[in-house]
Amino acid sequence: MQINNKIIFGFPIMNTKINKNSYDKKNIVSTIEKNFKINNKRNNWDKESLLHHSANDRNNLKYKKINFKSILPVYKETILSMLKKLNTICNYSFEFDISNYTCLSNNNFMKPHIHADCHFTAVHYLQFDKKNHKGTRFINTLPFTDYIKEIAPGLYNVLSLNDNKNSWLCESWIDNVEEDDFYFYPAYLKHTIDPQVAKNKNRITIVLNIKLLKEIKNVH
């Protein structure tokens, strides 16, 4: 498994590809699309975002329950490979859950947020039209971001803003996302989904929450 490492605003980001043949992708996408047709504005999470997703509404019997069983082992293996890239100081285990899925059509969006109830977040771009859809936008919350152009305008004439290592100069960052990409990043990295252009297909993602658990040895 090839894992790419990046730094965005000082946050560690990892991404890799999920093999579309390693799980029942067709059935998962089909079920999400059927739920989307029932209500393309399914949103019990806030009063601002405009999209179909399952946050705070996953037990709603109006919608068909999605069978994620085939993809859970794939996620577990992928997350483990990424966690091994971190510099840990003790034995640990981890747990994860599929916290949400999103389905966005034309002009749909999701407001800026973080995931406060976990340590890491992962996003799997299950269906993504690279020509028209936009990837997750990460928001720079560093305190100097709003006025760095006034403090050091010359930096923008020298450093490339297309390089993620220089992302600290940017107010936000969208990576070069493709279908089947799996992105892993700290849950406290603020992010949003811009209004989408959906011509031929909807933008569908699966969202995971991940927690690390320190293993404590029993002392006899």
N, C-alpha and C. Protein backbone atom coordinates (compact mmCIF):
# COMPACT_ATOMS: atom_id res chain seq x y z
N MET A 1 0.84 -1.19 0.00
CA MET A 1 0.00 0.00 0.00
C MET A 1 0.88 1.25 0.00
N GLN A 2 0.70 2.08 -0.99
CA GLN A 2 1.46 3.33 -1.07
C GLN A 2 0.73 4.42 -0.30
N ILE A 3 1.42 4.99 0.69
CA ILE A 3 0.85 6.05 1.50
C ILE A 3 1.62 7.34 1.26
N ASN A 4 0.92 8.38 0.91
CA ASN A 4 1.53 9.68 0.69
C ASN A 4 1.40 10.53 1.94
N ASN A 5 2.49 11.19 2.32
CA ASN A 5 2.50 12.05 3.50
C ASN A 5 2.60 13.50 3.07
N LYS A 6 1.78 14.34 3.70
CA LYS A 6 1.79 15.77 3.40
C LYS A 6 1.66 16.55 4.70
N ILE A 7 2.01 17.82 4.63
CA ILE A 7 1.81 18.72 5.75
C ILE A 7 0.95 19.88 5.26
N ILE A 8 -0.19 20.07 5.90
CA ILE A 8 -1.07 21.18 5.56
C ILE A 8 -1.32 22.01 6.81
N PHE A 9 -0.85 23.25 6.77
CA PHE A 9 -0.92 24.16 7.93
C PHE A 9 -0.21 23.59 9.15
N GLY A 10 0.72 22.68 8.97
CA GLY A 10 1.41 22.04 10.08
C GLY A 10 0.76 20.74 10.53
N PHE A 11 -0.39 20.39 9.97
CA PHE A 11 -1.09 19.15 10.31
C PHE A 11 -0.60 18.02 9.41
N PRO A 12 -0.39 16.83 9.96
CA PRO A 12 0.00 15.68 9.13
C PRO A 12 -1.21 15.13 8.38
N ILE A 13 -1.06 14.98 7.08
CA ILE A 13 -2.11 14.43 6.23
C ILE A 13 -1.55 13.21 5.52
N MET A 14 -2.32 12.15 5.45
CA MET A 14 -1.92 10.96 4.68
C MET A 14 -3.04 10.60 3.73
N ASN A 15 -2.65 10.10 2.57
CA ASN A 15 -3.67 9.61 1.65
C ASN A 15 -3.16 8.41 0.87
N THR A 16 -4.10 7.59 0.45
CA THR A 16 -3.79 6.40 -0.33
C THR A 16 -5.00 6.07 -1.19
N LYS A 17 -4.90 5.00 -1.96
CA LYS A 17 -6.01 4.55 -2.79
C LYS A 17 -6.66 3.31 -2.18
N ILE A 18 -7.98 3.26 -2.22
CA ILE A 18 -8.71 2.07 -1.83
C ILE A 18 -9.07 1.31 -3.11
N ASN A 19 -8.70 0.05 -3.15
CA ASN A 19 -9.00 -0.78 -4.32
C ASN A 19 -10.51 -0.96 -4.44
N LYS A 20 -11.09 -0.48 -5.53
CA LYS A 20 -12.54 -0.52 -5.71
C LYS A 20 -13.07 -1.95 -5.80
N ASN A 21 -12.18 -2.90 -6.06
CA ASN A 21 -12.60 -4.30 -6.16
C ASN A 21 -12.45 -5.07 -4.85
N SER A 22 -12.00 -4.39 -3.80
CA SER A 22 -11.74 -5.06 -2.53
C SER A 22 -12.97 -5.09 -1.61
N TYR A 23 -14.08 -4.54 -2.05
CA TYR A 23 -15.31 -4.51 -1.25
C TYR A 23 -16.49 -4.34 -2.21
N ASP A 24 -17.68 -4.36 -1.68
CA ASP A 24 -18.89 -4.27 -2.49
C ASP A 24 -19.25 -2.81 -2.75
N LYS A 25 -18.46 -2.16 -3.56
CA LYS A 25 -18.65 -0.73 -3.84
C LYS A 25 -19.99 -0.46 -4.52
N LYS A 26 -20.33 -1.29 -5.48
CA LYS A 26 -21.55 -1.07 -6.26
C LYS A 26 -22.78 -1.03 -5.37
N ASN A 27 -22.87 -1.95 -4.42
CA ASN A 27 -24.04 -2.02 -3.56
C ASN A 27 -24.11 -0.81 -2.61
N ILE A 28 -22.96 -0.40 -2.07
CA ILE A 28 -22.93 0.75 -1.16
C ILE A 28 -23.36 2.02 -1.88
N VAL A 29 -22.78 2.25 -3.05
CA VAL A 29 -23.13 3.45 -3.83
C VAL A 29 -24.60 3.43 -4.21
N SER A 30 -25.09 2.28 -4.63
CA SER A 30 -26.49 2.16 -5.05
C SER A 30 -27.45 2.49 -3.91
N THR A 31 -27.15 2.00 -2.71
CA THR A 31 -28.03 2.26 -1.56
C THR A 31 -28.01 3.73 -1.18
N ILE A 32 -26.83 4.34 -1.20
CA ILE A 32 -26.74 5.76 -0.89
C ILE A 32 -27.53 6.58 -1.91
N GLU A 33 -27.42 6.23 -3.18
CA GLU A 33 -28.15 6.94 -4.22
C GLU A 33 -29.66 6.79 -4.04
N LYS A 34 -30.12 5.62 -3.62
CA LYS A 34 -31.55 5.40 -3.39
C LYS A 34 -32.03 6.26 -2.22
N ASN A 35 -31.23 6.34 -1.16
CA ASN A 35 -31.59 7.20 -0.03
C ASN A 35 -31.62 8.66 -0.44
N PHE A 36 -30.69 9.03 -1.30
CA PHE A 36 -30.62 10.41 -1.78
C PHE A 36 -31.89 10.78 -2.55
N LYS A 37 -32.42 9.84 -3.34
CA LYS A 37 -33.63 10.10 -4.11
C LYS A 37 -34.85 10.27 -3.22
N ILE A 38 -34.82 9.64 -2.05
CA ILE A 38 -35.93 9.80 -1.10
C ILE A 38 -35.96 11.23 -0.58
N ASN A 39 -34.77 11.76 -0.27
CA ASN A 39 -34.68 13.14 0.23
C ASN A 39 -33.27 13.66 -0.02
N ASN A 40 -33.12 14.56 -0.97
CA ASN A 40 -31.78 15.08 -1.29
C ASN A 40 -31.32 16.16 -0.32
N LYS A 41 -32.16 16.46 0.68
CA LYS A 41 -31.79 17.44 1.70
C LYS A 41 -31.93 16.82 3.09
N ARG A 42 -31.44 15.62 3.23
CA ARG A 42 -31.47 14.93 4.53
C ARG A 42 -30.37 15.52 5.41
N ASN A 43 -30.75 16.30 6.41
CA ASN A 43 -29.75 17.00 7.22
C ASN A 43 -30.31 17.30 8.61
N ASN A 44 -30.12 16.39 9.53
CA ASN A 44 -30.52 16.61 10.93
C ASN A 44 -29.37 17.13 11.77
N TRP A 45 -28.30 17.55 11.12
CA TRP A 45 -27.09 17.97 11.83
C TRP A 45 -27.08 19.47 12.12
N ASP A 46 -27.46 20.30 11.15
CA ASP A 46 -27.48 21.75 11.33
C ASP A 46 -28.56 22.34 10.45
N LYS A 47 -28.71 23.65 10.51
CA LYS A 47 -29.73 24.33 9.73
C LYS A 47 -29.14 25.14 8.58
N GLU A 48 -27.85 24.95 8.33
CA GLU A 48 -27.17 25.73 7.31
C GLU A 48 -26.77 24.90 6.09
N SER A 49 -26.19 23.73 6.31
CA SER A 49 -25.68 22.92 5.22
C SER A 49 -26.81 22.41 4.33
N LEU A 50 -26.48 22.19 3.07
CA LEU A 50 -27.46 21.70 2.11
C LEU A 50 -26.90 20.46 1.42
N LEU A 51 -27.32 19.30 1.87
CA LEU A 51 -26.82 18.04 1.34
C LEU A 51 -27.64 16.88 1.92
N HIS A 52 -27.35 15.68 1.47
CA HIS A 52 -27.91 14.46 2.05
C HIS A 52 -26.81 13.76 2.83
N HIS A 53 -27.02 13.56 4.13
CA HIS A 53 -26.06 12.81 4.93
C HIS A 53 -26.76 12.22 6.14
N SER A 54 -26.06 11.33 6.84
CA SER A 54 -26.72 10.54 7.89
C SER A 54 -26.40 10.98 9.31
N ALA A 55 -25.62 12.05 9.47
CA ALA A 55 -25.28 12.50 10.83
C ALA A 55 -26.54 12.85 11.62
N ASN A 56 -26.62 12.32 12.85
CA ASN A 56 -27.74 12.53 13.76
C ASN A 56 -29.06 11.96 13.22
N ASP A 57 -28.98 11.09 12.21
CA ASP A 57 -30.20 10.57 11.61
C ASP A 57 -30.02 9.12 11.14
N ARG A 58 -29.02 8.45 11.66
CA ARG A 58 -28.67 7.14 11.11
C ARG A 58 -29.70 6.06 11.42
N ASN A 59 -30.54 6.26 12.42
CA ASN A 59 -31.55 5.25 12.76
C ASN A 59 -32.92 5.55 12.17
N ASN A 60 -32.97 6.48 11.24
CA ASN A 60 -34.23 6.84 10.60
C ASN A 60 -34.70 5.70 9.68
N LEU A 61 -35.82 5.10 10.00
CA LEU A 61 -36.33 3.94 9.26
C LEU A 61 -36.84 4.31 7.87
N LYS A 62 -36.93 5.57 7.59
CA LYS A 62 -37.37 6.03 6.27
C LYS A 62 -36.35 5.65 5.20
N TYR A 63 -35.09 5.53 5.63
CA TYR A 63 -34.01 5.27 4.68
C TYR A 63 -33.46 3.86 4.86
N LYS A 64 -33.01 3.28 3.77
CA LYS A 64 -32.47 1.94 3.81
C LYS A 64 -31.10 1.94 4.49
N LYS A 65 -30.90 0.98 5.40
CA LYS A 65 -29.62 0.87 6.09
C LYS A 65 -28.55 0.37 5.13
N ILE A 66 -27.40 1.01 5.16
CA ILE A 66 -26.33 0.66 4.23
C ILE A 66 -25.47 -0.45 4.83
N ASN A 67 -25.18 -1.44 4.03
CA ASN A 67 -24.37 -2.57 4.48
C ASN A 67 -22.89 -2.27 4.22
N PHE A 68 -22.20 -1.84 5.27
CA PHE A 68 -20.78 -1.50 5.17
C PHE A 68 -19.87 -2.68 5.52
N LYS A 69 -20.45 -3.85 5.73
CA LYS A 69 -19.68 -4.99 6.24
C LYS A 69 -18.46 -5.31 5.37
N SER A 70 -18.60 -5.23 4.07
CA SER A 70 -17.51 -5.63 3.18
C SER A 70 -16.32 -4.69 3.22
N ILE A 71 -16.56 -3.44 3.60
CA ILE A 71 -15.48 -2.45 3.54
C ILE A 71 -14.79 -2.24 4.89
N LEU A 72 -15.38 -2.71 5.97
CA LEU A 72 -14.79 -2.49 7.30
C LEU A 72 -13.39 -3.10 7.42
N PRO A 73 -13.14 -4.33 6.97
CA PRO A 73 -11.77 -4.87 7.04
C PRO A 73 -10.78 -4.06 6.22
N VAL A 74 -11.22 -3.52 5.10
CA VAL A 74 -10.36 -2.69 4.25
C VAL A 74 -9.97 -1.42 4.99
N TYR A 75 -10.94 -0.81 5.65
CA TYR A 75 -10.66 0.40 6.43
C TYR A 75 -9.71 0.10 7.58
N LYS A 76 -9.94 -1.01 8.25
CA LYS A 76 -9.10 -1.37 9.40
C LYS A 76 -7.64 -1.52 8.98
N GLU A 77 -7.41 -2.23 7.89
CA GLU A 77 -6.06 -2.43 7.40
C GLU A 77 -5.42 -1.11 6.96
N THR A 78 -6.20 -0.26 6.31
CA THR A 78 -5.68 1.03 5.82
C THR A 78 -5.33 1.95 6.97
N ILE A 79 -6.20 2.03 7.96
CA ILE A 79 -5.93 2.88 9.13
C ILE A 79 -4.70 2.40 9.88
N LEU A 80 -4.59 1.08 10.07
CA LEU A 80 -3.44 0.53 10.76
C LEU A 80 -2.14 0.90 10.04
N SER A 81 -2.13 0.81 8.73
CA SER A 81 -0.94 1.16 7.95
C SER A 81 -0.58 2.62 8.13
N MET A 82 -1.56 3.48 8.25
CA MET A 82 -1.31 4.90 8.42
C MET A 82 -0.85 5.23 9.83
N LEU A 83 -1.45 4.58 10.81
CA LEU A 83 -1.05 4.82 12.20
C LEU A 83 0.40 4.41 12.43
N LYS A 84 0.86 3.38 11.71
CA LYS A 84 2.25 2.93 11.85
C LYS A 84 3.24 3.99 11.37
N LYS A 85 2.76 4.95 10.62
CA LYS A 85 3.61 6.03 10.14
C LYS A 85 3.83 7.11 11.21
N LEU A 86 3.04 7.06 12.27
CA LEU A 86 3.16 8.05 13.35
C LEU A 86 4.21 7.60 14.36
N ASN A 87 4.81 8.54 15.02
CA ASN A 87 5.84 8.25 16.02
C ASN A 87 5.18 8.05 17.38
N THR A 88 4.89 6.82 17.73
CA THR A 88 4.21 6.53 19.00
C THR A 88 5.23 6.15 20.08
N ILE A 89 4.82 6.29 21.34
CA ILE A 89 5.75 6.06 22.46
C ILE A 89 5.30 4.91 23.36
N CYS A 90 4.22 4.25 23.02
CA CYS A 90 3.74 3.13 23.85
C CYS A 90 2.88 2.22 22.99
N ASN A 91 2.55 1.07 23.54
CA ASN A 91 1.63 0.18 22.86
C ASN A 91 0.23 0.78 22.87
N TYR A 92 -0.48 0.59 21.78
CA TYR A 92 -1.81 1.17 21.69
C TYR A 92 -2.68 0.30 20.79
N SER A 93 -3.96 0.51 20.91
CA SER A 93 -4.92 -0.07 19.99
C SER A 93 -5.74 1.09 19.43
N PHE A 94 -6.63 0.79 18.53
CA PHE A 94 -7.46 1.85 17.99
C PHE A 94 -8.85 1.31 17.69
N GLU A 95 -9.78 2.20 17.66
CA GLU A 95 -11.13 1.86 17.26
C GLU A 95 -11.63 2.90 16.27
N PHE A 96 -12.51 2.48 15.39
CA PHE A 96 -13.05 3.41 14.41
C PHE A 96 -14.50 3.06 14.13
N ASP A 97 -15.22 4.03 13.63
CA ASP A 97 -16.58 3.80 13.21
C ASP A 97 -16.90 4.69 12.02
N ILE A 98 -17.84 4.25 11.23
CA ILE A 98 -18.32 5.08 10.13
C ILE A 98 -19.32 6.06 10.72
N SER A 99 -18.89 7.29 10.85
CA SER A 99 -19.71 8.29 11.54
C SER A 99 -20.74 8.93 10.62
N ASN A 100 -20.49 8.86 9.31
CA ASN A 100 -21.37 9.57 8.39
C ASN A 100 -21.08 9.13 6.96
N TYR A 101 -22.03 9.36 6.10
CA TYR A 101 -21.76 9.36 4.67
C TYR A 101 -22.39 10.62 4.11
N THR A 102 -21.86 11.14 3.02
CA THR A 102 -22.43 12.34 2.42
C THR A 102 -22.70 12.09 0.95
N CYS A 103 -23.75 12.71 0.46
CA CYS A 103 -24.09 12.66 -0.96
C CYS A 103 -24.52 14.07 -1.37
N LEU A 104 -23.78 14.64 -2.31
CA LEU A 104 -24.03 16.02 -2.71
C LEU A 104 -24.29 16.11 -4.22
N SER A 105 -25.31 16.86 -4.57
CA SER A 105 -25.57 17.14 -5.97
C SER A 105 -25.23 18.60 -6.24
N ASN A 106 -25.77 19.16 -7.30
CA ASN A 106 -25.41 20.50 -7.72
C ASN A 106 -25.75 21.54 -6.65
N ASN A 107 -24.77 22.39 -6.33
CA ASN A 107 -24.89 23.49 -5.37
C ASN A 107 -24.99 23.04 -3.91
N ASN A 108 -24.89 21.75 -3.65
CA ASN A 108 -24.90 21.27 -2.27
C ASN A 108 -23.57 21.59 -1.59
N PHE A 109 -23.62 21.81 -0.26
CA PHE A 109 -22.42 22.17 0.49
C PHE A 109 -22.57 21.74 1.95
N MET A 110 -21.46 21.79 2.69
CA MET A 110 -21.46 21.47 4.12
C MET A 110 -20.63 22.50 4.85
N LYS A 111 -21.15 23.03 5.95
CA LYS A 111 -20.49 24.14 6.63
C LYS A 111 -19.19 23.69 7.31
N PRO A 112 -18.29 24.65 7.63
CA PRO A 112 -17.02 24.32 8.30
C PRO A 112 -17.26 23.67 9.66
N HIS A 113 -16.43 22.67 9.98
CA HIS A 113 -16.58 21.96 11.24
C HIS A 113 -15.32 21.17 11.56
N ILE A 114 -15.24 20.68 12.78
CA ILE A 114 -14.22 19.73 13.20
C ILE A 114 -14.93 18.50 13.76
N HIS A 115 -14.17 17.45 14.08
CA HIS A 115 -14.73 16.26 14.71
C HIS A 115 -14.17 16.19 16.13
N ALA A 116 -14.93 16.68 17.08
CA ALA A 116 -14.43 16.86 18.44
C ALA A 116 -14.47 15.58 19.27
N ASP A 117 -15.14 14.55 18.81
CA ASP A 117 -15.32 13.35 19.62
C ASP A 117 -14.38 12.21 19.22
N CYS A 118 -13.27 12.53 18.55
CA CYS A 118 -12.31 11.51 18.15
C CYS A 118 -10.94 12.15 17.98
N HIS A 119 -9.94 11.36 17.61
CA HIS A 119 -8.59 11.87 17.44
C HIS A 119 -8.22 12.13 15.98
N PHE A 120 -8.70 11.25 15.11
CA PHE A 120 -8.43 11.39 13.68
C PHE A 120 -9.73 11.19 12.90
N THR A 121 -9.73 11.75 11.72
CA THR A 121 -10.86 11.59 10.80
C THR A 121 -10.33 11.06 9.48
N ALA A 122 -11.12 10.26 8.81
CA ALA A 122 -10.75 9.79 7.47
C ALA A 122 -11.94 9.97 6.54
N VAL A 123 -11.62 10.29 5.30
CA VAL A 123 -12.66 10.47 4.28
C VAL A 123 -12.32 9.60 3.08
N HIS A 124 -13.26 8.80 2.67
CA HIS A 124 -13.12 7.94 1.50
C HIS A 124 -13.99 8.52 0.39
N TYR A 125 -13.35 8.92 -0.70
CA TYR A 125 -14.08 9.49 -1.83
C TYR A 125 -14.62 8.35 -2.69
N LEU A 126 -15.82 7.94 -2.37
CA LEU A 126 -16.42 6.76 -2.96
C LEU A 126 -16.84 7.01 -4.41
N GLN A 127 -17.38 8.18 -4.66
CA GLN A 127 -17.78 8.58 -6.02
C GLN A 127 -17.40 10.04 -6.20
N PHE A 128 -16.57 10.31 -7.21
CA PHE A 128 -16.01 11.65 -7.33
C PHE A 128 -15.69 11.94 -8.80
N ASP A 129 -16.26 13.01 -9.31
CA ASP A 129 -16.02 13.45 -10.68
C ASP A 129 -14.94 14.53 -10.63
N LYS A 130 -13.72 14.16 -10.96
CA LYS A 130 -12.58 15.08 -10.81
C LYS A 130 -12.74 16.34 -11.65
N LYS A 131 -13.44 16.25 -12.77
CA LYS A 131 -13.59 17.42 -13.64
C LYS A 131 -14.53 18.46 -13.06
N ASN A 132 -15.47 18.02 -12.24
CA ASN A 132 -16.50 18.93 -11.75
C ASN A 132 -16.57 19.05 -10.23
N HIS A 133 -16.36 17.96 -9.51
CA HIS A 133 -16.46 18.01 -8.06
C HIS A 133 -15.24 18.68 -7.42
N LYS A 134 -15.43 19.13 -6.19
CA LYS A 134 -14.36 19.73 -5.41
C LYS A 134 -14.08 18.86 -4.18
N GLY A 135 -12.79 18.73 -3.85
CA GLY A 135 -12.42 17.98 -2.66
C GLY A 135 -12.71 18.76 -1.40
N THR A 136 -12.50 18.12 -0.26
CA THR A 136 -12.67 18.80 1.03
C THR A 136 -11.75 20.00 1.11
N ARG A 137 -12.30 21.12 1.57
CA ARG A 137 -11.49 22.32 1.77
C ARG A 137 -11.05 22.39 3.23
N PHE A 138 -9.74 22.37 3.47
CA PHE A 138 -9.20 22.54 4.81
C PHE A 138 -9.01 24.02 5.09
N ILE A 139 -9.35 24.43 6.30
CA ILE A 139 -9.34 25.86 6.65
C ILE A 139 -8.19 26.14 7.60
N ASN A 140 -7.40 27.14 7.27
CA ASN A 140 -6.24 27.52 8.07
C ASN A 140 -6.69 28.37 9.25
N THR A 141 -6.51 27.85 10.46
CA THR A 141 -6.91 28.56 11.68
C THR A 141 -5.72 29.16 12.43
N LEU A 142 -4.54 29.17 11.80
CA LEU A 142 -3.39 29.80 12.44
C LEU A 142 -3.69 31.28 12.68
N PRO A 143 -3.27 31.83 13.82
CA PRO A 143 -3.70 33.18 14.21
C PRO A 143 -3.26 34.31 13.28
N PHE A 144 -2.19 34.09 12.52
CA PHE A 144 -1.68 35.17 11.66
C PHE A 144 -2.23 35.12 10.24
N THR A 145 -3.07 34.13 9.95
CA THR A 145 -3.49 33.89 8.57
C THR A 145 -4.17 35.11 7.94
N ASP A 146 -5.02 35.78 8.70
CA ASP A 146 -5.82 36.86 8.13
C ASP A 146 -5.00 38.08 7.72
N TYR A 147 -3.82 38.25 8.33
CA TYR A 147 -3.06 39.46 8.01
C TYR A 147 -1.62 39.19 7.57
N ILE A 148 -1.29 37.95 7.22
CA ILE A 148 0.08 37.64 6.80
C ILE A 148 0.44 38.35 5.49
N LYS A 149 -0.56 38.59 4.65
CA LYS A 149 -0.28 39.30 3.39
C LYS A 149 0.20 40.72 3.65
N GLU A 150 -0.27 41.33 4.73
CA GLU A 150 0.16 42.68 5.08
C GLU A 150 1.52 42.66 5.76
N ILE A 151 1.80 41.62 6.54
CA ILE A 151 3.06 41.53 7.28
C ILE A 151 4.22 41.20 6.35
N ALA A 152 4.00 40.23 5.48
CA ALA A 152 5.10 39.74 4.63
C ALA A 152 4.60 39.50 3.21
N PRO A 153 4.22 40.54 2.50
CA PRO A 153 3.69 40.35 1.14
C PRO A 153 4.71 39.75 0.18
N GLY A 154 6.00 39.96 0.45
CA GLY A 154 7.03 39.45 -0.43
C GLY A 154 7.08 37.94 -0.51
N LEU A 155 6.58 37.25 0.52
CA LEU A 155 6.59 35.78 0.52
C LEU A 155 5.81 35.23 -0.66
N TYR A 156 4.74 35.93 -1.03
CA TYR A 156 3.87 35.45 -2.10
C TYR A 156 4.52 35.60 -3.47
N ASN A 157 5.59 36.38 -3.54
CA ASN A 157 6.30 36.55 -4.80
C ASN A 157 7.42 35.53 -4.97
N VAL A 158 7.71 34.78 -3.89
CA VAL A 158 8.84 33.86 -3.90
C VAL A 158 8.41 32.40 -3.73
N LEU A 159 7.55 32.13 -2.75
CA LEU A 159 7.17 30.77 -2.43
C LEU A 159 5.96 30.31 -3.25
N SER A 160 6.00 29.07 -3.70
CA SER A 160 4.90 28.51 -4.50
C SER A 160 3.72 28.16 -3.60
N LEU A 161 2.56 28.66 -3.97
CA LEU A 161 1.35 28.34 -3.21
C LEU A 161 0.70 27.05 -3.72
N ASN A 162 1.35 26.38 -4.66
CA ASN A 162 0.87 25.09 -5.14
C ASN A 162 1.53 23.92 -4.42
N ASP A 163 2.43 24.24 -3.47
CA ASP A 163 3.15 23.23 -2.72
C ASP A 163 2.57 23.16 -1.31
N ASN A 164 2.15 21.96 -0.88
CA ASN A 164 1.50 21.85 0.43
C ASN A 164 2.40 22.28 1.58
N LYS A 165 3.74 22.23 1.38
CA LYS A 165 4.65 22.67 2.44
C LYS A 165 4.50 24.17 2.71
N ASN A 166 3.99 24.90 1.74
CA ASN A 166 3.79 26.35 1.90
C ASN A 166 2.33 26.69 2.19
N SER A 167 1.54 25.69 2.54
CA SER A 167 0.11 25.91 2.77
C SER A 167 -0.16 26.85 3.95
N TRP A 168 0.82 27.02 4.83
CA TRP A 168 0.65 27.91 5.98
C TRP A 168 0.43 29.36 5.53
N LEU A 169 0.75 29.66 4.29
CA LEU A 169 0.52 30.99 3.75
C LEU A 169 -0.91 31.18 3.25
N CYS A 170 -1.63 30.07 3.12
CA CYS A 170 -2.95 30.10 2.49
C CYS A 170 -4.06 30.13 3.53
N GLU A 171 -5.16 30.75 3.18
CA GLU A 171 -6.32 30.79 4.06
C GLU A 171 -7.04 29.44 4.08
N SER A 172 -6.90 28.69 2.99
CA SER A 172 -7.51 27.35 2.91
C SER A 172 -6.75 26.53 1.89
N TRP A 173 -7.06 25.22 1.87
CA TRP A 173 -6.34 24.32 0.97
C TRP A 173 -7.27 23.20 0.51
N ILE A 174 -7.30 22.95 -0.81
CA ILE A 174 -8.01 21.81 -1.37
C ILE A 174 -6.99 20.95 -2.09
N ASP A 175 -6.92 19.68 -1.73
CA ASP A 175 -5.93 18.81 -2.35
C ASP A 175 -6.46 18.27 -3.68
N ASN A 176 -5.57 17.67 -4.44
CA ASN A 176 -5.90 17.14 -5.76
C ASN A 176 -6.53 15.75 -5.61
N VAL A 177 -7.83 15.73 -5.38
CA VAL A 177 -8.54 14.50 -5.00
C VAL A 177 -9.03 13.75 -6.24
N GLU A 178 -9.02 12.41 -6.12
CA GLU A 178 -9.57 11.54 -7.15
C GLU A 178 -10.51 10.52 -6.51
N GLU A 179 -11.35 9.91 -7.33
CA GLU A 179 -12.22 8.85 -6.83
C GLU A 179 -11.38 7.70 -6.28
N ASP A 180 -11.85 7.11 -5.20
CA ASP A 180 -11.21 6.00 -4.47
C ASP A 180 -10.08 6.47 -3.56
N ASP A 181 -9.83 7.77 -3.47
CA ASP A 181 -8.85 8.28 -2.52
C ASP A 181 -9.36 8.13 -1.10
N PHE A 182 -8.42 7.89 -0.19
CA PHE A 182 -8.71 7.78 1.24
C PHE A 182 -7.78 8.74 1.96
N TYR A 183 -8.36 9.75 2.63
CA TYR A 183 -7.58 10.78 3.31
C TYR A 183 -7.71 10.62 4.82
N PHE A 184 -6.60 10.74 5.51
CA PHE A 184 -6.51 10.56 6.97
C PHE A 184 -5.86 11.81 7.55
N TYR A 185 -6.50 12.42 8.56
CA TYR A 185 -5.95 13.66 9.13
C TYR A 185 -6.49 13.87 10.55
N PRO A 186 -5.82 14.72 11.34
CA PRO A 186 -6.29 14.98 12.71
C PRO A 186 -7.72 15.53 12.70
N ALA A 187 -8.50 15.09 13.65
CA ALA A 187 -9.91 15.46 13.70
C ALA A 187 -10.12 16.94 13.98
N TYR A 188 -9.07 17.62 14.45
CA TYR A 188 -9.21 19.02 14.83
C TYR A 188 -8.85 19.96 13.69
N LEU A 189 -8.56 19.40 12.52
CA LEU A 189 -8.30 20.21 11.34
C LEU A 189 -9.65 20.63 10.76
N LYS A 190 -9.92 21.92 10.83
CA LYS A 190 -11.23 22.43 10.38
C LYS A 190 -11.38 22.24 8.88
N HIS A 191 -12.56 21.83 8.45
CA HIS A 191 -12.77 21.56 7.04
C HIS A 191 -14.22 21.82 6.65
N THR A 192 -14.43 21.93 5.35
CA THR A 192 -15.76 22.24 4.82
C THR A 192 -15.88 21.63 3.44
N ILE A 193 -17.09 21.59 2.91
CA ILE A 193 -17.32 21.16 1.53
C ILE A 193 -17.97 22.33 0.80
N ASP A 194 -17.29 22.82 -0.21
CA ASP A 194 -17.80 23.95 -1.00
C ASP A 194 -19.02 23.54 -1.82
N PRO A 195 -19.82 24.49 -2.27
CA PRO A 195 -20.91 24.18 -3.20
C PRO A 195 -20.38 23.43 -4.41
N GLN A 196 -21.06 22.37 -4.76
CA GLN A 196 -20.56 21.47 -5.79
C GLN A 196 -21.20 21.73 -7.16
N VAL A 197 -20.48 21.31 -8.17
CA VAL A 197 -21.03 21.23 -9.52
C VAL A 197 -21.16 19.74 -9.84
N ALA A 198 -22.36 19.26 -9.93
CA ALA A 198 -22.59 17.84 -10.17
C ALA A 198 -23.35 17.67 -11.48
N LYS A 199 -22.64 17.30 -12.53
CA LYS A 199 -23.25 17.19 -13.85
C LYS A 199 -23.71 15.77 -14.16
N ASN A 200 -22.81 14.81 -14.00
CA ASN A 200 -23.11 13.44 -14.39
C ASN A 200 -23.34 12.50 -13.22
N LYS A 201 -22.79 12.84 -12.06
CA LYS A 201 -22.99 11.98 -10.90
C LYS A 201 -22.82 12.77 -9.62
N ASN A 202 -23.36 12.23 -8.53
CA ASN A 202 -23.28 12.88 -7.23
C ASN A 202 -21.91 12.64 -6.60
N ARG A 203 -21.53 13.55 -5.74
CA ARG A 203 -20.29 13.43 -4.97
C ARG A 203 -20.61 12.65 -3.70
N ILE A 204 -20.01 11.46 -3.52
CA ILE A 204 -20.31 10.60 -2.37
C ILE A 204 -19.04 10.30 -1.59
N THR A 205 -19.08 10.48 -0.27
CA THR A 205 -17.96 10.13 0.58
C THR A 205 -18.46 9.33 1.78
N ILE A 206 -17.55 8.55 2.35
CA ILE A 206 -17.77 7.89 3.64
C ILE A 206 -16.80 8.51 4.64
N VAL A 207 -17.30 8.84 5.82
CA VAL A 207 -16.51 9.54 6.82
C VAL A 207 -16.32 8.65 8.04
N LEU A 208 -15.08 8.57 8.52
CA LEU A 208 -14.76 7.73 9.67
C LEU A 208 -14.21 8.57 10.82
N ASN A 209 -14.52 8.17 12.02
CA ASN A 209 -13.91 8.72 13.23
C ASN A 209 -13.01 7.66 13.85
N ILE A 210 -11.82 8.07 14.29
CA ILE A 210 -10.81 7.13 14.77
C ILE A 210 -10.29 7.58 16.13
N LYS A 211 -10.18 6.65 17.06
CA LYS A 211 -9.64 6.94 18.38
C LYS A 211 -8.47 6.01 18.70
N LEU A 212 -7.44 6.55 19.34
CA LEU A 212 -6.33 5.74 19.83
C LEU A 212 -6.56 5.42 21.29
N LEU A 213 -6.20 4.21 21.68
CA LEU A 213 -6.39 3.76 23.07
C LEU A 213 -5.07 3.21 23.60
N LYS A 214 -4.58 3.80 24.67
CA LYS A 214 -3.34 3.33 25.27
C LYS A 214 -3.58 2.00 25.96
N GLU A 215 -2.70 1.05 25.69
CA GLU A 215 -2.81 -0.27 26.31
C GLU A 215 -2.08 -0.26 27.65
N ILE A 216 -2.79 -0.57 28.71
CA ILE A 216 -2.21 -0.56 30.05
C ILE A 216 -1.99 -2.00 30.50
N LYS A 217 -0.75 -2.33 30.83
CA LYS A 217 -0.44 -3.69 31.27
C LYS A 217 -0.89 -3.90 32.71
N ASN A 218 -1.40 -5.08 32.98
CA ASN A 218 -1.80 -5.42 34.34
C ASN A 218 -0.56 -5.68 35.20
N VAL A 219 -0.56 -5.12 36.39
CA VAL A 219 0.56 -5.31 37.32
C VAL A 219 0.10 -6.27 38.43
N HIS A 220 0.83 -7.36 38.61
CA HIS A 220 0.44 -8.35 39.62
C HIS A 220 1.39 -8.24 40.84
